[in-house]
Amino acid sequence: MGDNQADSALTILQEGEIEVKGKFLWGSNYTFLVEATHQGQALPAVYKPTRGERPLWDFPAASLAHREAAAYLVSEALEWHFVPETVYRRRGPLGPGSLQRYIEHDPEIHYFSMDEIGRQRLRPVALFDLLINNADRKGGHVILDQNHKLWLIDHGICFHVEDKLRTVIWDFSGEPIPADLRASLAAFEKKLSLDEDLQVQLSRHLSKAELRALAARAAELLKMNSFPDPQPNRRPYPWPPL
């Protein structure tokens, strides 16, 4: 989507009437396919109500929908634009929750079915997950739309203050972090400290400690010359991997 289309999608997601069309059968949390309609424009979306979140021992209760919205904000601030437009709605058919533009895609095409050329596109994904401390980057969370644009979905368990990284994408361990990605990360670190609007938006979804941890991870990644190896003292992969 271009900027105007993205702005339109955000308006529909933020202000539109939500009609439930169906329920996704996979996943540990309740997730619904909905249609958001605003001023005659309709948009398919994924609705994740807070009341449908399975409690986790290490993440604060009723916080997963906020983390989905925060991941979108970080993707946009990096100017990588690979998280679909996502908002936090205080009112919905089943109460508060996240609402994300639905991406039409072939579910058979994902990380594990990508060829080598496709996987070479994933360096920014690996860096993004390091930055947001993604505890659940499954292979099926990396999708392609009908135009072969790369999209990332399912960011409900990210941004923990402790190291929680679990991902299937370790392809680039030991490789130098490309200069263009380092430049994007440096620009993001600057925005995070100087851009009051970004600070306010993120503070609606993350705690002060989580924002400090995000800034610390950005600074640490900029000091690194290469993508890290998996941690040997804990499980570095999600389960299930797909």
Protein backbone atom coordinates (compact mmCIF):
# COMPACT_ATOMS: atom_id res chain seq x y z
CA MET A 1 0.00 0.00 0.00
CA GLY A 2 1.06 3.57 -0.65
CA ASP A 3 0.96 6.24 2.05
CA ASN A 4 -2.56 7.37 1.14
CA GLN A 5 -3.86 3.80 1.09
CA ALA A 6 -2.19 3.08 4.42
CA ASP A 7 -3.73 6.20 5.96
CA SER A 8 -7.13 5.15 4.60
CA ALA A 9 -6.71 1.66 6.04
CA LEU A 10 -5.77 3.08 9.44
CA THR A 11 -8.84 5.33 9.44
CA ILE A 12 -11.11 2.40 8.62
CA LEU A 13 -9.49 0.25 11.32
CA GLN A 14 -9.65 3.01 13.93
CA GLU A 15 -13.15 4.30 13.24
CA GLY A 16 -15.02 1.63 11.29
CA GLU A 17 -17.87 -0.57 12.41
CA ILE A 18 -16.66 -4.12 13.02
CA GLU A 19 -18.62 -7.14 11.82
CA VAL A 20 -17.39 -10.63 12.68
CA LYS A 21 -17.21 -12.91 9.65
CA GLY A 22 -15.57 -16.00 11.13
CA LYS A 23 -13.10 -17.45 13.62
CA PHE A 24 -9.62 -18.70 12.86
CA LEU A 25 -9.32 -22.24 14.15
CA TRP A 26 -5.57 -22.35 14.77
CA GLY A 27 -3.65 -20.50 17.46
CA SER A 28 -3.81 -20.44 21.24
CA ASN A 29 -5.74 -17.16 21.46
CA TYR A 30 -9.14 -16.28 20.05
CA THR A 31 -8.73 -14.64 16.64
CA PHE A 32 -11.49 -13.52 14.29
CA LEU A 33 -11.80 -12.52 10.66
CA VAL A 34 -13.87 -9.35 10.57
CA GLU A 35 -14.89 -6.61 8.20
CA ALA A 36 -14.37 -2.99 9.22
CA THR A 37 -16.57 -0.47 7.42
CA HIS A 38 -16.24 3.32 7.45
CA GLN A 39 -17.95 5.82 5.15
CA GLY A 40 -18.80 3.15 2.62
CA GLN A 41 -15.32 1.62 2.55
CA ALA A 42 -14.87 -1.94 3.78
CA LEU A 43 -11.64 -3.63 4.82
CA PRO A 44 -11.06 -7.25 5.89
CA ALA A 45 -9.20 -7.39 9.18
CA VAL A 46 -7.98 -9.69 11.93
CA TYR A 47 -9.47 -8.97 15.34
CA LYS A 48 -7.78 -10.29 18.49
CA PRO A 49 -9.89 -9.46 21.55
CA THR A 50 -8.10 -9.13 24.86
CA ARG A 51 -10.63 -11.37 26.57
CA GLY A 52 -9.56 -14.19 24.24
CA GLU A 53 -5.90 -14.03 25.27
CA ARG A 54 -4.54 -17.09 27.03
CA PRO A 55 -2.77 -15.97 30.24
CA LEU A 56 1.02 -16.21 30.11
CA TRP A 57 3.20 -16.47 33.19
CA ASP A 58 5.87 -14.11 31.88
CA PHE A 59 3.82 -11.44 30.09
CA PRO A 60 1.42 -9.00 31.79
CA ALA A 61 -2.25 -9.91 31.49
CA ALA A 62 -4.32 -8.14 28.81
CA SER A 63 -1.22 -6.81 27.04
CA LEU A 64 -0.90 -8.90 23.86
CA ALA A 65 -3.18 -6.71 21.73
CA HIS A 66 -1.16 -3.65 22.73
CA ARG A 67 2.04 -5.40 21.65
CA GLU A 68 0.54 -6.10 18.22
CA ALA A 69 -0.07 -2.36 17.80
CA ALA A 70 3.42 -1.48 19.08
CA ALA A 71 5.07 -3.83 16.55
CA TYR A 72 3.31 -1.96 13.73
CA LEU A 73 4.53 1.39 15.06
CA VAL A 74 8.12 0.15 15.23
CA SER A 75 7.94 -1.29 11.70
CA GLU A 76 6.71 2.06 10.42
CA ALA A 77 9.31 4.05 12.37
CA LEU A 78 12.02 1.88 10.82
CA GLU A 79 10.39 2.56 7.42
CA TRP A 80 10.41 -1.16 6.67
CA HIS A 81 6.60 -1.32 6.36
CA PHE A 82 6.20 -5.08 6.71
CA VAL A 83 3.69 -5.25 9.54
CA PRO A 84 0.14 -4.69 8.21
CA GLU A 85 -1.68 -1.62 9.53
CA THR A 86 -2.62 -2.39 13.12
CA VAL A 87 -4.53 -0.44 15.74
CA TYR A 88 -5.76 -1.00 19.27
CA ARG A 89 -9.52 -0.67 19.55
CA ARG A 90 -11.02 0.00 22.97
CA ARG A 91 -14.42 -1.13 21.71
CA GLY A 92 -15.15 -4.17 19.60
CA PRO A 93 -17.68 -7.00 19.28
CA LEU A 94 -15.90 -8.85 22.11
CA GLY A 95 -14.39 -5.86 23.84
CA PRO A 96 -10.97 -4.22 23.50
CA GLY A 97 -8.38 -5.77 21.22
CA SER A 98 -6.08 -5.35 18.25
CA LEU A 99 -7.34 -4.90 14.71
CA GLN A 100 -4.99 -5.57 11.81
CA ARG A 101 -5.55 -5.37 8.06
CA TYR A 102 -5.94 -8.88 6.71
CA ILE A 103 -3.42 -9.86 4.06
CA GLU A 104 -4.62 -12.21 1.35
CA HIS A 105 -1.96 -14.89 1.02
CA ASP A 106 -1.32 -18.54 0.25
CA PRO A 107 -0.85 -20.30 3.63
CA GLU A 108 1.35 -22.88 1.93
CA ILE A 109 3.96 -20.19 1.26
CA HIS A 110 5.92 -19.37 4.43
CA TYR A 111 9.44 -19.44 5.83
CA PHE A 112 9.83 -23.21 5.57
CA SER A 113 8.60 -23.37 1.96
CA MET A 114 10.62 -20.40 0.71
CA ASP A 115 13.47 -21.01 -1.69
CA GLU A 116 16.95 -19.62 -1.04
CA ILE A 117 16.22 -16.45 -2.98
CA GLY A 118 13.14 -15.82 -0.85
CA ARG A 119 15.04 -16.39 2.39
CA GLN A 120 17.67 -13.87 1.38
CA ARG A 121 14.96 -11.21 1.82
CA LEU A 122 14.69 -11.97 5.53
CA ARG A 123 17.69 -10.10 6.96
CA PRO A 124 15.55 -7.13 8.05
CA VAL A 125 13.07 -9.60 9.57
CA ALA A 126 15.84 -11.15 11.66
CA LEU A 127 16.97 -7.70 12.81
CA PHE A 128 13.40 -6.60 13.52
CA ASP A 129 12.84 -9.63 15.75
CA LEU A 130 16.06 -8.93 17.64
CA LEU A 131 14.93 -5.34 18.18
CA ILE A 132 11.41 -6.11 19.39
CA ASN A 133 12.55 -9.22 21.29
CA ASN A 134 10.11 -11.47 19.48
CA ALA A 135 9.37 -14.55 21.57
CA ASP A 136 7.40 -16.33 18.85
CA ARG A 137 8.60 -15.92 15.25
CA LYS A 138 7.07 -19.02 13.72
CA GLY A 139 7.56 -19.92 10.07
CA GLY A 140 3.90 -19.22 9.32
CA HIS A 141 4.23 -15.65 10.59
CA VAL A 142 6.23 -14.75 7.47
CA ILE A 143 3.87 -14.45 4.50
CA LEU A 144 3.73 -13.09 0.96
CA ASP A 145 0.77 -11.33 -0.58
CA GLN A 146 -0.42 -11.78 -4.16
CA ASN A 147 2.21 -9.29 -5.35
CA HIS A 148 4.97 -11.20 -3.50
CA LYS A 149 5.37 -8.42 -0.94
CA LEU A 150 6.73 -9.70 2.37
CA TRP A 151 4.53 -9.30 5.46
CA LEU A 152 5.01 -10.19 9.12
CA ILE A 153 2.12 -11.07 11.42
CA ASP A 154 1.49 -12.20 15.03
CA HIS A 155 3.50 -10.00 17.38
CA GLY A 156 1.55 -10.49 20.60
CA ILE A 157 4.49 -11.72 22.66
CA CYS A 158 7.21 -9.19 21.97
CA PHE A 159 8.89 -6.32 23.82
CA HIS A 160 9.61 -8.16 27.08
CA VAL A 161 12.28 -6.51 29.22
CA GLU A 162 14.12 -9.84 29.53
CA ASP A 163 15.69 -11.66 26.59
CA LYS A 164 12.93 -13.86 25.14
CA LEU A 165 13.98 -14.19 21.50
CA ARG A 166 12.60 -17.36 19.92
CA THR A 167 12.64 -17.52 16.15
CA VAL A 168 13.05 -19.95 13.27
CA ILE A 169 15.17 -17.40 11.36
CA TRP A 170 18.80 -18.05 12.28
CA ASP A 171 20.01 -18.14 8.65
CA PHE A 172 22.25 -15.11 9.04
CA SER A 173 24.05 -15.93 12.30
CA GLY A 174 27.62 -14.68 12.13
CA GLU A 175 27.01 -12.61 9.00
CA PRO A 176 27.76 -8.86 9.03
CA ILE A 177 24.66 -6.71 9.52
CA PRO A 178 24.27 -4.82 6.21
CA ALA A 179 25.05 -1.10 6.26
CA ASP A 180 21.57 -0.07 5.07
CA LEU A 181 19.92 -1.99 7.91
CA ARG A 182 22.30 -0.45 10.44
CA ALA A 183 21.41 2.99 9.05
CA SER A 184 17.69 2.30 9.49
CA LEU A 185 18.31 1.10 13.02
CA ALA A 186 20.37 4.20 13.85
CA ALA A 187 17.61 6.44 12.52
CA PHE A 188 15.08 4.53 14.61
CA GLU A 189 17.20 4.91 17.76
CA LYS A 190 17.29 8.67 17.15
CA LYS A 191 13.53 8.82 16.60
CA LEU A 192 12.94 6.87 19.77
CA SER A 193 14.82 9.47 21.81
CA LEU A 194 13.73 12.64 19.99
CA ASP A 195 10.35 12.03 18.31
CA GLU A 196 7.76 12.94 20.94
CA ASP A 197 4.88 11.71 18.79
CA LEU A 198 6.44 8.25 18.46
CA GLN A 199 7.15 8.21 22.20
CA VAL A 200 3.54 9.05 23.00
CA GLN A 201 2.17 6.46 20.59
CA LEU A 202 4.39 3.68 21.91
CA SER A 203 3.70 4.63 25.53
CA ARG A 204 0.03 3.85 24.94
CA HIS A 205 0.99 0.22 24.43
CA LEU A 206 4.23 -0.44 26.29
CA SER A 207 5.40 0.24 29.84
CA LYS A 208 8.24 2.64 30.64
CA ALA A 209 10.49 -0.32 31.42
CA GLU A 210 9.65 -1.95 28.08
CA LEU A 211 10.40 1.29 26.22
CA ARG A 212 13.74 1.59 28.00
CA ALA A 213 14.51 -2.02 27.07
CA LEU A 214 13.59 -1.32 23.43
CA ALA A 215 16.00 1.63 23.36
CA ALA A 216 18.72 -0.46 25.00
CA ARG A 217 18.32 -3.23 22.42
CA ALA A 218 18.59 -0.71 19.58
CA ALA A 219 21.81 0.66 21.06
CA GLU A 220 23.22 -2.82 21.63
CA LEU A 221 22.41 -3.95 18.09
CA LEU A 222 24.22 -0.91 16.70
CA LYS A 223 27.34 -2.00 18.58
CA MET A 224 27.20 -5.47 17.02
CA ASN A 225 29.02 -6.16 13.79
CA SER A 226 27.12 -9.33 12.92
CA PHE A 227 23.90 -11.21 13.50
CA PRO A 228 24.14 -13.20 16.74
CA ASP A 229 24.16 -16.98 17.14
CA PRO A 230 21.38 -18.75 19.04
CA GLN A 231 21.76 -18.65 22.81
CA PRO A 232 23.21 -22.02 23.89
CA ASN A 233 21.74 -21.91 27.41
CA ARG A 234 18.06 -21.73 26.47
CA ARG A 235 15.58 -22.71 23.77
CA PRO A 236 16.01 -20.29 20.84
CA TYR A 237 13.17 -21.70 18.70
CA PRO A 238 9.37 -21.29 19.05
CA TRP A 239 7.04 -24.24 19.45
CA PRO A 240 5.47 -25.29 17.26
CA PRO A 241 7.88 -23.92 14.64
CA LEU A 242 5.09 -23.37 12.06
